[in-house]
Amino acid sequence: MFLLLVVLHIGSSTDTSKASIDGAIETVNGFLRCVKNVELKGIIYGTGLTDPGDAKYDDSLKQAYEMGKNI
C-alpha cells in the first residue's frame, strides 16, 4: 500500500510582509525533506491579521478553501 501525505502550509502574521513568515515556511520545508511520501501542495500567506476574526475577511481564507477543495 502506498500512502502519500499531502501538506498545505498556512502561515499567519500581524506583519503585512510575506517575508515575516518565511522562517516558519523554511522550517516546515526542512522537516518535509526528511519525510517520505510527502507532497507540499501549497503555501498560503495570511499577513496583516492583527485582531481575532481578521482571517474571516482575508483572501487567505478563500485561498485555503479553494486549495483544500482541489487536494
N, C-alpha and C. Protein backbone atom coordinates (compact mmCIF):
# COMPACT_ATOMS: atom_id res chain seq x y z
N MET A 1 0.85 -1.18 0.00
CA MET A 1 0.00 0.00 0.00
C MET A 1 0.89 1.23 0.00
N PHE A 2 0.54 2.20 -0.82
CA PHE A 2 1.29 3.45 -0.92
C PHE A 2 0.47 4.56 -0.28
N LEU A 3 1.08 5.26 0.64
CA LEU A 3 0.42 6.37 1.31
C LEU A 3 1.16 7.65 1.00
N LEU A 4 0.43 8.64 0.53
CA LEU A 4 1.01 9.95 0.25
C LEU A 4 0.38 10.96 1.20
N LEU A 5 1.20 11.63 1.95
CA LEU A 5 0.73 12.66 2.86
C LEU A 5 0.80 14.00 2.14
N VAL A 6 -0.31 14.70 2.10
CA VAL A 6 -0.38 16.00 1.43
C VAL A 6 -0.39 17.08 2.50
N VAL A 7 0.45 18.09 2.31
CA VAL A 7 0.58 19.16 3.28
C VAL A 7 0.22 20.49 2.64
N LEU A 8 -0.55 21.26 3.35
CA LEU A 8 -0.88 22.63 2.95
C LEU A 8 -0.44 23.52 4.10
N HIS A 9 0.53 24.38 3.86
CA HIS A 9 1.07 25.24 4.91
C HIS A 9 0.33 26.58 4.89
N ILE A 10 -0.24 26.93 6.03
CA ILE A 10 -0.91 28.21 6.18
C ILE A 10 -0.17 29.00 7.24
N GLY A 11 0.41 30.11 6.85
CA GLY A 11 1.14 30.96 7.79
C GLY A 11 0.40 32.26 8.02
N SER A 12 0.40 32.73 9.25
CA SER A 12 -0.26 34.00 9.53
C SER A 12 0.67 34.89 10.34
N SER A 13 0.47 36.19 10.19
CA SER A 13 1.32 37.15 10.85
C SER A 13 0.61 38.49 10.94
N THR A 14 0.93 39.26 11.98
CA THR A 14 0.39 40.62 12.06
C THR A 14 1.13 41.54 11.10
N ASP A 15 2.35 41.17 10.75
CA ASP A 15 3.14 41.94 9.80
C ASP A 15 2.51 41.80 8.42
N THR A 16 2.57 42.83 7.61
CA THR A 16 1.97 42.78 6.28
C THR A 16 2.91 42.19 5.23
N SER A 17 4.14 41.90 5.60
CA SER A 17 5.13 41.36 4.67
C SER A 17 5.11 39.84 4.67
N LYS A 18 5.12 39.25 3.48
CA LYS A 18 5.20 37.79 3.38
C LYS A 18 6.52 37.28 3.96
N ALA A 19 7.55 38.11 3.92
CA ALA A 19 8.86 37.72 4.44
C ALA A 19 8.80 37.40 5.93
N SER A 20 7.81 37.93 6.62
CA SER A 20 7.70 37.68 8.06
C SER A 20 7.36 36.22 8.36
N ILE A 21 6.90 35.48 7.37
CA ILE A 21 6.50 34.09 7.55
C ILE A 21 7.54 33.14 6.96
N ASP A 22 8.51 33.67 6.24
CA ASP A 22 9.48 32.83 5.54
C ASP A 22 10.23 31.87 6.46
N GLY A 23 10.57 32.28 7.66
CA GLY A 23 11.30 31.40 8.57
C GLY A 23 10.49 30.16 8.93
N ALA A 24 9.21 30.36 9.20
CA ALA A 24 8.33 29.23 9.51
C ALA A 24 8.19 28.31 8.31
N ILE A 25 8.11 28.87 7.14
CA ILE A 25 7.96 28.06 5.93
C ILE A 25 9.22 27.25 5.67
N GLU A 26 10.38 27.85 5.87
CA GLU A 26 11.63 27.12 5.68
C GLU A 26 11.77 25.98 6.69
N THR A 27 11.30 26.20 7.91
CA THR A 27 11.33 25.15 8.92
C THR A 27 10.47 23.97 8.50
N VAL A 28 9.25 24.24 8.05
CA VAL A 28 8.37 23.17 7.59
C VAL A 28 8.96 22.47 6.38
N ASN A 29 9.51 23.21 5.44
CA ASN A 29 10.12 22.61 4.26
C ASN A 29 11.29 21.71 4.64
N GLY A 30 12.10 22.15 5.61
CA GLY A 30 13.21 21.32 6.08
C GLY A 30 12.73 20.01 6.67
N PHE A 31 11.67 20.07 7.44
CA PHE A 31 11.09 18.86 8.01
C PHE A 31 10.54 17.94 6.92
N LEU A 32 9.85 18.51 5.95
CA LEU A 32 9.23 17.70 4.90
C LEU A 32 10.27 17.00 4.04
N ARG A 33 11.46 17.58 3.91
CA ARG A 33 12.52 16.93 3.14
C ARG A 33 12.98 15.63 3.81
N CYS A 34 12.72 15.49 5.10
CA CYS A 34 13.14 14.31 5.85
C CYS A 34 12.07 13.22 5.90
N VAL A 35 10.90 13.49 5.38
CA VAL A 35 9.78 12.56 5.46
C VAL A 35 9.49 12.01 4.06
N LYS A 36 9.29 10.70 4.00
CA LYS A 36 9.00 10.06 2.72
C LYS A 36 7.52 10.23 2.36
N ASN A 37 7.24 10.24 1.08
CA ASN A 37 5.88 10.25 0.55
C ASN A 37 5.07 11.46 1.01
N VAL A 38 5.70 12.62 0.98
CA VAL A 38 5.03 13.86 1.36
C VAL A 38 5.09 14.82 0.19
N GLU A 39 3.99 15.49 -0.05
CA GLU A 39 3.93 16.48 -1.12
C GLU A 39 3.35 17.77 -0.57
N LEU A 40 4.12 18.85 -0.70
CA LEU A 40 3.63 20.17 -0.30
C LEU A 40 2.79 20.71 -1.43
N LYS A 41 1.50 20.88 -1.18
CA LYS A 41 0.57 21.32 -2.22
C LYS A 41 0.46 22.82 -2.34
N GLY A 42 0.81 23.54 -1.29
CA GLY A 42 0.70 24.99 -1.39
C GLY A 42 1.05 25.69 -0.10
N ILE A 43 1.29 26.97 -0.24
CA ILE A 43 1.59 27.84 0.90
C ILE A 43 0.62 29.01 0.82
N ILE A 44 0.00 29.30 1.92
CA ILE A 44 -0.93 30.42 1.99
C ILE A 44 -0.40 31.41 3.01
N TYR A 45 -0.30 32.66 2.60
CA TYR A 45 0.18 33.72 3.47
C TYR A 45 -1.00 34.53 3.99
N GLY A 46 -1.21 34.47 5.28
CA GLY A 46 -2.22 35.31 5.92
C GLY A 46 -1.51 36.43 6.65
N THR A 47 -1.23 37.51 5.96
CA THR A 47 -0.46 38.61 6.56
C THR A 47 -1.37 39.78 6.92
N GLY A 48 -0.91 40.56 7.88
CA GLY A 48 -1.66 41.74 8.30
C GLY A 48 -2.87 41.40 9.15
N LEU A 49 -2.87 40.21 9.76
CA LEU A 49 -4.00 39.78 10.59
C LEU A 49 -3.70 40.15 12.04
N THR A 50 -4.32 41.21 12.53
CA THR A 50 -3.99 41.71 13.86
C THR A 50 -5.03 41.41 14.93
N ASP A 51 -6.26 41.25 14.55
CA ASP A 51 -7.33 41.07 15.52
C ASP A 51 -8.01 39.71 15.34
N PRO A 52 -8.55 39.15 16.43
CA PRO A 52 -9.28 37.89 16.30
C PRO A 52 -10.40 38.04 15.26
N GLY A 53 -10.48 37.07 14.40
CA GLY A 53 -11.53 37.10 13.37
C GLY A 53 -11.11 37.76 12.07
N ASP A 54 -9.93 38.39 12.03
CA ASP A 54 -9.49 39.05 10.79
C ASP A 54 -9.42 38.09 9.61
N ALA A 55 -9.06 36.84 9.86
CA ALA A 55 -8.91 35.88 8.77
C ALA A 55 -10.22 35.63 8.04
N LYS A 56 -11.35 35.83 8.73
CA LYS A 56 -12.65 35.62 8.08
C LYS A 56 -12.84 36.50 6.87
N TYR A 57 -12.19 37.66 6.88
CA TYR A 57 -12.38 38.64 5.81
C TYR A 57 -11.15 38.78 4.93
N ASP A 58 -10.18 37.91 5.12
CA ASP A 58 -8.93 37.99 4.37
C ASP A 58 -8.97 37.01 3.19
N ASP A 59 -8.27 37.35 2.13
CA ASP A 59 -8.20 36.47 0.96
C ASP A 59 -7.59 35.12 1.28
N SER A 60 -6.78 35.05 2.34
CA SER A 60 -6.12 33.79 2.68
C SER A 60 -7.14 32.71 3.03
N LEU A 61 -8.25 33.07 3.61
CA LEU A 61 -9.28 32.08 3.94
C LEU A 61 -9.88 31.49 2.67
N LYS A 62 -10.16 32.33 1.70
CA LYS A 62 -10.70 31.86 0.42
C LYS A 62 -9.67 30.99 -0.30
N GLN A 63 -8.40 31.39 -0.25
CA GLN A 63 -7.35 30.59 -0.88
C GLN A 63 -7.26 29.20 -0.23
N ALA A 64 -7.32 29.15 1.09
CA ALA A 64 -7.26 27.87 1.81
C ALA A 64 -8.43 26.98 1.42
N TYR A 65 -9.60 27.56 1.34
CA TYR A 65 -10.79 26.80 0.96
C TYR A 65 -10.64 26.22 -0.44
N GLU A 66 -10.20 27.05 -1.38
CA GLU A 66 -10.06 26.59 -2.77
C GLU A 66 -8.97 25.52 -2.88
N MET A 67 -7.85 25.71 -2.20
CA MET A 67 -6.79 24.71 -2.25
C MET A 67 -7.27 23.40 -1.64
N GLY A 68 -7.98 23.48 -0.54
CA GLY A 68 -8.49 22.29 0.12
C GLY A 68 -9.45 21.50 -0.76
N LYS A 69 -10.26 22.20 -1.54
CA LYS A 69 -11.19 21.53 -2.45
C LYS A 69 -10.46 20.77 -3.54
N ASN A 70 -9.28 21.26 -3.92
CA ASN A 70 -8.56 20.68 -5.05
C ASN A 70 -7.52 19.64 -4.66
N ILE A 71 -7.44 19.31 -3.40
CA ILE A 71 -6.46 18.29 -2.97
C ILE A 71 -7.07 16.92 -3.14
